[in-house]
Amino acid sequence: MATGASQCTEENSKMVASEPFREGDVILRTADEVDFYVWRVILSVASPFFKSMFSLQQPSNTPPTSIPIVPVTEDSTALDGLLHL
């Protein structure tokens, strides 16, 4: 299993996790500033926590064309392991 920390790349001065976390409609940003692009529908089906979170009203100050960023307290290695379960 590849870890997010050792397999990430820099894009536009941001660290981005390795495949399969390079496409999605929401970004999970880790404590060590690595971006994991994930799909809301997949997280919602797999996790009641994310299903509840994504059902909440989103802030109105977010431009409709931008991808929402959800900061998480885990580092990239921990999040990579969790998302591979």
C-alpha atoms as a PDB file:
ATOM      1  CA  MET A   1       0.000   0.000   0.000  1.00  0.00           C
ATOM      2  CA  ALA A   2       1.410   3.351  -1.021  1.00  0.00           C
ATOM      3  CA  THR A   3       1.368   6.132   1.497  1.00  0.00           C
ATOM      4  CA  GLY A   4       0.125   9.609   0.732  1.00  0.00           C
ATOM      5  CA  ALA A   5       3.238  11.180   2.203  1.00  0.00           C
ATOM      6  CA  SER A   6       5.726   9.227   0.114  1.00  0.00           C
ATOM      7  CA  GLN A   7       3.734   9.241  -3.134  1.00  0.00           C
ATOM      8  CA  CYS A   8       2.464  12.812  -3.308  1.00  0.00           C
ATOM      9  CA  THR A   9       3.447  15.297  -6.006  1.00  0.00           C
ATOM     10  CA  GLU A  10       3.540  19.058  -6.085  1.00  0.00           C
ATOM     11  CA  GLU A  11       1.006  20.811  -8.317  1.00  0.00           C
ATOM     12  CA  ASN A  12       0.626  24.586  -8.326  1.00  0.00           C
ATOM     13  CA  SER A  13       2.650  24.764  -5.071  1.00  0.00           C
ATOM     14  CA  LYS A  14       0.272  22.305  -3.329  1.00  0.00           C
ATOM     15  CA  MET A  15       1.102  18.732  -2.462  1.00  0.00           C
ATOM     16  CA  VAL A  16      -1.369  16.287  -4.028  1.00  0.00           C
ATOM     17  CA  ALA A  17      -1.759  12.653  -2.992  1.00  0.00           C
ATOM     18  CA  SER A  18      -1.007   9.827  -5.396  1.00  0.00           C
ATOM     19  CA  GLU A  19      -3.577   7.893  -7.430  1.00  0.00           C
ATOM     20  CA  PRO A  20      -6.428   7.227  -6.942  1.00  0.00           C
ATOM     21  CA  PHE A  21      -6.749  10.521  -5.045  1.00  0.00           C
ATOM     22  CA  ARG A  22      -6.009  12.956  -7.875  1.00  0.00           C
ATOM     23  CA  GLU A  23      -9.600  13.397  -9.099  1.00  0.00           C
ATOM     24  CA  GLY A  24     -12.773  14.240  -7.232  1.00  0.00           C
ATOM     25  CA  ASP A  25     -15.351  16.856  -6.363  1.00  0.00           C
ATOM     26  CA  VAL A  26     -14.050  17.649  -2.872  1.00  0.00           C
ATOM     27  CA  ILE A  27     -10.562  17.953  -1.367  1.00  0.00           C
ATOM     28  CA  LEU A  28      -9.568  16.519   2.001  1.00  0.00           C
ATOM     29  CA  ARG A  29      -6.533  18.583   3.104  1.00  0.00           C
ATOM     30  CA  THR A  30      -4.382  16.877   5.717  1.00  0.00           C
ATOM     31  CA  ALA A  31      -2.514  18.396   8.647  1.00  0.00           C
ATOM     32  CA  ASP A  32       0.711  18.156   6.625  1.00  0.00           C
ATOM     33  CA  GLU A  33      -0.925  20.057   3.705  1.00  0.00           C
ATOM     34  CA  VAL A  34      -1.440  17.169   1.272  1.00  0.00           C
ATOM     35  CA  ASP A  35      -4.615  17.346  -0.833  1.00  0.00           C
ATOM     36  CA  PHE A  36      -6.671  14.194  -1.403  1.00  0.00           C
ATOM     37  CA  TYR A  37      -9.229  14.642  -4.180  1.00  0.00           C
ATOM     38  CA  VAL A  38     -12.192  12.382  -3.432  1.00  0.00           C
ATOM     39  CA  TRP A  39     -15.770  11.885  -4.635  1.00  0.00           C
ATOM     40  CA  ARG A  40     -18.558  12.945  -2.258  1.00  0.00           C
ATOM     41  CA  VAL A  41     -20.902  10.186  -3.363  1.00  0.00           C
ATOM     42  CA  ILE A  42     -18.344   7.466  -2.613  1.00  0.00           C
ATOM     43  CA  LEU A  43     -17.531   8.875   0.829  1.00  0.00           C
ATOM     44  CA  SER A  44     -21.251   9.340   1.567  1.00  0.00           C
ATOM     45  CA  VAL A  45     -22.071   5.727   0.727  1.00  0.00           C
ATOM     46  CA  ALA A  46     -19.086   4.399   2.695  1.00  0.00           C
ATOM     47  CA  SER A  47     -19.430   6.604   5.783  1.00  0.00           C
ATOM     48  CA  PRO A  48     -22.410   7.928   7.777  1.00  0.00           C
ATOM     49  CA  PHE A  49     -20.128  10.738   8.997  1.00  0.00           C
ATOM     50  CA  PHE A  50     -19.452  12.008   5.474  1.00  0.00           C
ATOM     51  CA  LYS A  51     -23.069  11.457   4.426  1.00  0.00           C
ATOM     52  CA  SER A  52     -24.173  13.725   7.262  1.00  0.00           C
ATOM     53  CA  MET A  53     -21.427  16.283   6.613  1.00  0.00           C
ATOM     54  CA  PHE A  54     -22.172  16.580   2.895  1.00  0.00           C
ATOM     55  CA  SER A  55     -25.912  16.972   3.559  1.00  0.00           C
ATOM     56  CA  LEU A  56     -25.293  20.171   5.543  1.00  0.00           C
ATOM     57  CA  GLN A  57     -25.729  23.523   3.851  1.00  0.00           C
ATOM     58  CA  GLN A  58     -22.451  24.773   2.377  1.00  0.00           C
ATOM     59  CA  PRO A  59     -21.062  28.266   3.115  1.00  0.00           C
ATOM     60  CA  SER A  60     -22.313  30.898   0.693  1.00  0.00           C
ATOM     61  CA  ASN A  61     -18.875  32.544   0.369  1.00  0.00           C
ATOM     62  CA  THR A  62     -17.477  29.582  -1.627  1.00  0.00           C
ATOM     63  CA  PRO A  63     -17.421  30.290  -5.373  1.00  0.00           C
ATOM     64  CA  PRO A  64     -19.601  27.727  -7.202  1.00  0.00           C
ATOM     65  CA  THR A  65     -16.751  26.840  -9.562  1.00  0.00           C
ATOM     66  CA  SER A  66     -14.229  26.007  -6.844  1.00  0.00           C
ATOM     67  CA  ILE A  67     -13.730  22.574  -5.311  1.00  0.00           C
ATOM     68  CA  PRO A  68     -14.610  22.611  -1.585  1.00  0.00           C
ATOM     69  CA  ILE A  69     -11.700  21.957   0.773  1.00  0.00           C
ATOM     70  CA  VAL A  70     -12.298  20.035   4.000  1.00  0.00           C
ATOM     71  CA  PRO A  71      -9.390  20.330   6.452  1.00  0.00           C
ATOM     72  CA  VAL A  72      -8.734  17.177   8.467  1.00  0.00           C
ATOM     73  CA  THR A  73      -6.482  16.736  11.507  1.00  0.00           C
ATOM     74  CA  GLU A  74      -4.881  13.506  10.284  1.00  0.00           C
ATOM     75  CA  ASP A  75      -1.580  13.528   8.416  1.00  0.00           C
ATOM     76  CA  SER A  76      -1.332  12.230   4.841  1.00  0.00           C
ATOM     77  CA  THR A  77      -0.051   8.785   5.843  1.00  0.00           C
ATOM     78  CA  ALA A  78      -2.974   8.197   8.217  1.00  0.00           C
ATOM     79  CA  LEU A  79      -5.595   9.506   5.769  1.00  0.00           C
ATOM     80  CA  ASP A  80      -4.167   7.448   2.923  1.00  0.00           C
ATOM     81  CA  GLY A  81      -4.478   4.329   5.068  1.00  0.00           C
ATOM     82  CA  LEU A  82      -8.054   5.171   6.056  1.00  0.00           C
ATOM     83  CA  LEU A  83      -9.156   5.870   2.497  1.00  0.00           C
ATOM     84  CA  HIS A  84      -7.693   2.569   1.288  1.00  0.00           C
ATOM     85  CA  LEU A  85      -9.858   0.534   3.688  1.00  0.00           C
END
